[in-house]
C-alpha cells in the first residue's frame, strides 16, 4: 500500500499495549480509508468514505488503560461491509475526523438524497429492475 509519499490526513497502526507492534496499518485520504494487513502475505483494502453508513467506538478496560480504542465501521461496500480499526490512539478524535470527511465526501458526491432512496440490501441499485409485462 503506498503509505509513503501519499497525501494522507491520518495514519496509524493497530497497537498492542499502546505500542504500534503489529503489521496492520491504517490510513485515510480525502475520500478513502485504507488498511493493510500482513507481513509476508499482505492484504490491502480500501473503503470509499461515501459508502460508510454508521460508526461506533468501543473501549474496554484494557484499551482505556493504554489510551486506545476501536472504531467499528459499517458500510455498503461489498468486499468490506463491516470493518474495525482496532486499538488506535485517540479513537474519539479519529471518529470525528472520519465523520467530518465522510459528510464532506457525501456532499461533494451529492449522496444525501440518493442514500435514502436506495435499499442497502439491494444488489441491483441501478434501478433497472425488471418490470412485469402488463399484457
Protein backbone atom coordinates (compact mmCIF):
# COMPACT_ATOMS: atom_id res chain seq x y z
CA UNK A 1 0.00 0.00 0.00
CA UNK A 2 1.80 3.24 -0.81
CA UNK A 3 1.60 4.86 2.63
CA UNK A 4 4.87 6.67 1.95
CA UNK A 5 4.78 9.87 -0.08
CA UNK A 6 0.99 9.97 -0.45
CA UNK A 7 -1.35 12.65 0.87
CA UNK A 8 -2.97 11.19 3.96
CA UNK A 9 -5.00 13.05 6.55
CA UNK A 10 -4.37 10.38 9.19
CA UNK A 11 -2.18 7.27 9.61
CA UNK A 12 -1.80 4.80 12.47
CA UNK A 13 -1.16 1.15 13.29
CA UNK A 14 -3.04 -1.40 15.31
CA UNK A 15 -1.50 -1.27 18.76
CA UNK A 16 -0.65 -3.84 21.40
CA UNK A 17 -0.43 -2.49 24.95
CA UNK A 18 -0.36 1.01 23.48
CA UNK A 19 2.65 0.25 21.26
CA UNK A 20 2.43 0.01 17.44
CA UNK A 21 3.75 -3.57 17.38
CA UNK A 22 1.62 -5.06 14.61
CA UNK A 23 1.58 -5.44 10.86
CA UNK A 24 -1.84 -3.82 10.50
CA UNK A 25 -1.69 -0.27 9.18
CA UNK A 26 -4.49 2.25 8.64
CA UNK A 27 -4.60 5.50 6.67
CA UNK A 28 -7.23 7.97 5.48
CA UNK A 29 -7.09 10.26 2.48
CA UNK A 30 -9.61 12.89 1.50
CA UNK A 31 -12.12 10.34 0.18
CA UNK A 32 -10.89 6.84 1.14
CA UNK A 33 -9.94 4.73 4.13
CA UNK A 34 -7.04 2.31 3.58
CA UNK A 35 -5.90 -0.67 5.58
CA UNK A 36 -3.06 -3.09 5.08
CA UNK A 37 -2.71 -6.36 6.98
CA UNK A 38 0.16 -8.83 6.99
CA UNK A 39 3.91 -9.25 6.82
CA UNK A 40 4.79 -11.99 4.31
CA UNK A 41 1.40 -12.09 2.65
CA UNK A 42 -0.13 -8.61 2.61
CA UNK A 43 -3.77 -7.76 2.02
CA UNK A 44 -4.51 -4.16 1.03
CA UNK A 45 -8.08 -2.85 1.10
CA UNK A 46 -9.71 0.50 0.66
CA UNK A 47 -13.13 1.77 1.56
CA UNK A 48 -14.70 4.76 -0.17
CA UNK A 49 -15.83 7.15 2.54
CA UNK A 50 -19.17 7.92 0.89
CA UNK A 51 -20.15 4.26 1.43
CA UNK A 52 -19.88 4.46 5.22
CA UNK A 53 -23.30 4.19 6.90
CA UNK A 54 -22.53 4.05 10.62
CA UNK A 55 -19.64 4.16 13.09
CA UNK A 56 -19.23 3.38 16.76
CA UNK A 57 -16.35 3.45 19.22
CA UNK A 58 -15.61 0.62 21.63
CA UNK A 59 -13.17 0.88 24.55
CA UNK A 60 -12.88 -1.90 27.10
CA UNK A 61 -10.95 -1.53 30.35
CA UNK A 62 -7.71 -2.80 28.84
CA UNK A 63 -7.97 -0.31 25.95
CA UNK A 64 -8.75 2.57 28.30
CA UNK A 65 -5.68 1.74 30.40
CA UNK A 66 -3.48 2.03 27.30
CA UNK A 67 -5.39 5.03 25.87
CA UNK A 68 -6.53 3.25 22.71
CA UNK A 69 -9.89 2.15 21.31
CA UNK A 70 -11.57 0.54 18.32
CA UNK A 71 -13.83 2.16 15.73
CA UNK A 72 -16.40 -0.15 14.16
CA UNK A 73 -17.41 0.99 10.65
CA UNK A 74 -20.48 -0.32 8.80
CA UNK A 75 -20.65 0.37 5.07
CA UNK A 76 -22.37 -0.58 1.84
CA UNK A 77 -19.07 -1.78 0.38
CA UNK A 78 -19.47 -5.34 -0.93
CA UNK A 79 -15.98 -6.57 -0.02
CA UNK A 80 -15.89 -4.85 3.38
CA UNK A 81 -19.39 -4.37 4.83
CA UNK A 82 -18.00 -4.09 8.36
CA UNK A 83 -14.51 -3.17 9.40
CA UNK A 84 -12.89 -2.35 12.73
CA UNK A 85 -9.96 -0.01 13.20
CA UNK A 86 -8.54 -1.90 16.18
CA UNK A 87 -6.61 -0.42 19.08
CA UNK A 88 -5.86 3.02 17.62
CA UNK A 89 -4.74 6.11 19.53
CA UNK A 90 -7.32 8.85 20.16
CA UNK A 91 -10.34 6.87 18.89
CA UNK A 92 -12.92 9.61 19.62
CA UNK A 93 -10.86 12.24 17.80
CA UNK A 94 -10.33 9.90 14.82
CA UNK A 95 -14.05 9.04 14.72
CA UNK A 96 -14.86 12.75 14.47
CA UNK A 97 -12.22 13.21 11.77
CA UNK A 98 -13.74 10.29 9.85
CA UNK A 99 -17.25 11.65 10.34
CA UNK A 100 -16.31 15.09 9.00
CA UNK A 101 -14.58 13.63 5.93
CA UNK A 102 -17.47 11.24 5.31
CA UNK A 103 -20.00 14.08 5.39
CA UNK A 104 -17.83 16.25 3.16
CA UNK A 105 -17.37 13.42 0.65
CA UNK A 106 -21.10 12.69 0.58
CA UNK A 107 -21.88 16.35 -0.02
CA UNK A 108 -19.36 16.51 -2.88
CA UNK A 109 -20.93 13.44 -4.46
CA UNK A 110 -24.45 14.65 -3.68
CA UNK A 111 -25.21 11.40 -1.86
CA UNK A 112 -27.64 12.77 0.73
CA UNK A 113 -30.86 12.21 -1.25
CA UNK A 114 -29.69 9.11 -3.07
CA UNK A 115 -28.67 7.24 0.05
CA UNK A 116 -32.17 7.44 1.47
CA UNK A 117 -33.77 6.21 -1.74
CA UNK A 118 -31.68 3.09 -2.36
CA UNK A 119 -32.08 -0.14 -0.47
CA UNK A 120 -28.83 -1.05 1.30
CA UNK A 121 -29.54 -4.76 0.76
CA UNK A 122 -30.40 -4.37 -2.94
CA UNK A 123 -27.65 -5.92 -5.04
CA UNK A 124 -29.00 -4.10 -8.07
CA UNK A 125 -29.04 -0.45 -7.03
CA UNK A 126 -29.04 0.89 -10.59
CA UNK A 127 -32.87 0.90 -10.70
CA UNK A 128 -33.11 -1.38 -13.74
CA UNK A 129 -35.30 -3.98 -12.04
CA UNK A 130 -37.44 -5.93 -14.43
CA UNK A 131 -40.95 -4.56 -14.82
CA UNK A 132 -43.59 -7.24 -15.40
CA UNK A 133 -45.40 -7.20 -18.74
CA UNK A 134 -48.93 -5.90 -18.27
CA UNK A 135 -50.35 -7.53 -21.43
